[in-house]
Protein backbone atom coordinates (compact mmCIF):
# COMPACT_ATOMS: atom_id res chain seq x y z
CA MET A 1 -35.93 -26.08 69.15
CA ILE A 2 -38.21 -28.96 66.98
CA ARG A 3 -37.85 -28.96 63.27
CA SER A 4 -40.47 -30.62 61.53
CA PRO A 5 -39.12 -33.31 58.45
CA ALA A 6 -42.12 -32.41 56.57
CA GLU A 7 -41.22 -28.60 56.19
CA VAL A 8 -37.58 -29.05 56.41
CA ALA A 9 -38.30 -31.62 52.95
CA LEU A 10 -40.90 -29.46 51.38
CA SER A 11 -38.57 -26.04 51.52
CA LEU A 12 -35.66 -28.04 50.23
CA GLY A 13 -37.88 -29.09 47.37
CA VAL A 14 -39.10 -25.95 46.52
CA PHE A 15 -35.66 -24.15 46.19
CA ALA A 16 -34.60 -27.23 44.35
CA LEU A 17 -37.20 -26.61 41.65
CA GLY A 18 -36.49 -23.19 41.69
CA VAL A 19 -33.03 -24.02 40.76
CA GLY A 20 -34.37 -26.70 38.33
CA VAL A 21 -36.05 -23.93 36.23
CA ALA A 22 -33.11 -21.39 36.66
CA ALA A 23 -30.63 -24.28 35.09
CA VAL A 24 -33.22 -25.15 32.61
CA THR A 25 -34.16 -21.08 31.74
CA ALA A 26 -30.36 -21.20 31.10
CA THR A 27 -30.22 -23.30 28.31
CA LEU A 28 -33.03 -20.74 26.47
CA PRO A 29 -31.72 -18.44 24.26
CA SER A 30 -31.62 -14.61 25.23
CA GLU A 31 -31.55 -12.62 22.27
CA GLY A 32 -34.54 -10.83 21.78
CA GLY A 33 -35.61 -9.36 18.92
CA TYR A 34 -37.18 -5.84 18.39
CA ALA A 35 -39.24 -6.21 21.57
CA GLY A 36 -35.46 -6.33 23.53
CA ILE A 37 -36.92 -9.17 25.92
CA GLY A 38 -35.31 -12.57 24.56
CA PRO A 39 -37.79 -16.04 25.27
CA ASN A 40 -35.74 -16.56 28.69
CA PHE A 41 -36.89 -13.43 30.57
CA ILE A 42 -40.30 -15.11 32.25
CA PRO A 43 -38.59 -17.83 32.89
CA ALA A 44 -36.09 -15.93 34.82
CA VAL A 45 -38.29 -14.13 36.66
CA VAL A 46 -40.63 -17.29 37.65
CA GLY A 47 -37.01 -19.41 38.52
CA ALA A 48 -36.10 -16.50 40.63
CA GLY A 49 -39.45 -16.20 42.59
CA ILE A 50 -39.58 -19.79 43.18
CA ILE A 51 -35.67 -19.61 44.51
CA LEU A 52 -36.78 -17.05 46.79
CA LEU A 53 -39.64 -18.67 48.15
CA GLY A 54 -37.61 -21.85 48.66
CA VAL A 55 -35.25 -19.74 50.59
CA TRP A 56 -37.65 -18.18 52.92
CA LEU A 57 -39.31 -21.52 53.86
CA SER A 58 -36.06 -22.81 54.74
CA ILE A 59 -35.29 -20.21 56.72
CA GLU A 60 -38.75 -20.79 58.81
CA ALA A 61 -38.12 -24.36 58.35
CA PHE A 62 -34.51 -24.50 59.96
CA THR A 63 -35.57 -21.18 63.01
CA GLY A 64 -38.30 -23.24 64.47
CA GLY A 65 -40.82 -24.09 61.91
CA TRP A 66 -43.39 -22.56 59.79
CA ARG A 67 -44.81 -19.65 61.72
CA LYS A 68 -48.36 -19.88 60.97
CA ARG A 69 -49.45 -23.63 61.14
CA VAL A 70 -52.87 -25.03 60.48
CA ASP A 71 -55.43 -25.48 63.42
CA GLU A 72 -58.46 -26.60 63.69
CA GLU A 73 -60.31 -23.69 62.21
CA GLU A 74 -58.23 -23.73 59.03
CA ARG A 75 -58.63 -26.91 58.47
CA PHE A 76 -59.00 -28.02 54.90
CA GLU A 77 -62.23 -27.09 53.05
CA PRO A 78 -63.14 -29.33 49.80
CA ARG A 79 -65.46 -26.82 48.58
CA PRO A 80 -62.64 -24.00 47.65
CA PHE A 81 -60.02 -26.87 46.70
CA LEU A 82 -62.92 -27.70 43.84
CA TRP A 83 -63.49 -25.10 42.71
CA VAL A 84 -60.22 -23.86 41.94
CA SER A 85 -59.75 -27.05 40.41
CA ALA A 86 -62.51 -26.90 38.65
CA GLY A 87 -61.13 -23.32 37.46
CA LEU A 88 -57.54 -24.98 36.28
CA PHE A 89 -59.34 -27.97 34.54
CA ALA A 90 -61.83 -25.71 32.41
CA HIS A 91 -58.90 -23.52 31.40
CA MET A 92 -56.85 -26.36 30.06
CA ALA A 93 -60.06 -27.83 28.50
CA LEU A 94 -60.95 -24.19 27.04
CA ILE A 95 -57.39 -22.29 25.90
CA GLY A 96 -57.19 -24.26 22.92
CA TRP A 97 -60.67 -23.93 21.22
CA ALA A 98 -61.85 -20.79 23.00
CA GLY A 99 -59.12 -18.76 23.29
CA PHE A 100 -56.77 -17.57 26.11
CA VAL A 101 -59.15 -14.58 27.42
CA ILE A 102 -62.44 -16.89 27.61
CA ALA A 103 -59.94 -19.87 29.49
CA GLY A 104 -58.60 -17.12 31.80
CA THR A 105 -61.97 -15.29 32.50
CA VAL A 106 -63.72 -18.64 33.54
CA LEU A 107 -60.56 -19.61 35.48
CA PHE A 108 -60.69 -16.37 37.28
CA ALA A 109 -64.51 -16.58 38.24
CA CYS A 110 -63.88 -19.85 39.76
CA VAL A 111 -60.86 -19.27 41.95
CA ALA A 112 -63.06 -16.29 43.09
CA ARG A 113 -65.76 -18.31 43.91
CA GLY A 114 -63.11 -20.65 45.34
CA PHE A 115 -62.33 -17.67 47.81
CA GLY A 116 -65.88 -17.23 48.66
CA SER A 117 -66.89 -14.60 46.26
CA THR A 118 -70.69 -15.08 44.76
CA ARG A 119 -70.89 -11.80 42.16
CA TRP A 120 -70.90 -14.08 39.34
CA ALA A 121 -71.08 -10.80 37.13
CA ARG A 122 -68.47 -8.84 39.19
CA ASN A 123 -65.89 -11.86 39.06
CA ILE A 124 -66.26 -12.61 35.12
CA ALA A 125 -65.97 -8.90 34.49
CA VAL A 126 -62.91 -8.49 36.22
CA GLY A 127 -61.80 -11.32 35.17
CA LEU A 128 -62.36 -10.56 31.17
CA VAL A 129 -60.71 -7.14 31.62
CA MET A 130 -57.51 -8.78 33.55
CA SER A 131 -57.32 -11.87 30.68
CA ILE A 132 -57.78 -8.83 28.15
CA GLY A 133 -54.70 -6.84 29.63
CA ILE A 134 -52.48 -9.90 29.92
CA PHE A 135 -53.42 -11.37 26.48
CA LEU A 136 -52.35 -7.62 25.19
CA PHE A 137 -49.18 -7.55 27.07
CA PHE A 138 -47.67 -10.86 25.51
CA VAL A 139 -48.90 -10.36 22.07
CA LYS A 140 -48.07 -7.00 21.95
CA LEU A 141 -45.51 -6.29 24.09
CA LEU A 142 -43.55 -9.72 24.61
CA ASN A 143 -44.87 -10.60 21.08
CA VAL A 144 -45.53 -14.39 22.32
CA ASN A 145 -48.46 -15.75 20.39
CA LEU A 146 -51.72 -17.00 22.49
CA PRO A 147 -54.71 -18.37 20.99
CA THR A 148 -57.78 -16.12 20.12
CA GLY A 149 -60.17 -18.43 19.76
CA TRP A 150 -63.68 -17.50 19.93
CA LEU A 151 -62.57 -13.41 20.15
CA ALA A 152 -60.38 -13.65 17.21
CA PRO A 153 -62.98 -11.31 14.98
CA ILE A 154 -62.77 -8.60 17.88
CA LEU A 155 -59.01 -8.97 18.47
CA GLY A 156 -58.00 -8.93 15.18
CA GLY A 157 -54.71 -10.30 13.66
CA ALA A 158 -53.18 -10.53 17.36
CA GLY A 159 -52.13 -14.07 18.53
CA ILE A 160 -52.57 -17.23 16.73
């Protein structure tokens, strides 16, 4: 059985990243306010997910290699990569002044385009609905302030 050193290193690196996230999360306060969920809840869920992914990748790497390797038909495509990257950069640039919902909508539309969708109106509509839902979940349920930006008059006192 041939083990790829790159697969083993990446798998163990992902696992170590998850352990690092969990260690930092353990230092966050766990007392929840009236919502009952403390500021360490979401980072703990993310840390657990990264640890599980690292374990899964490690099992694959140590038992014969990752099962689905890239072949000639699945080589790197620069256009989808550039669309997703553009969406991430746009999100970072927009979130401070346009707000979470607008930035999230643009990110969703760019990622959908990167995955091959050319239906811009649908992508923007779905991204807008999802971004509003996520915004309201964090602001109303978890009591986490997110930037409202341009939608402050519509969203009222929610967010910052």
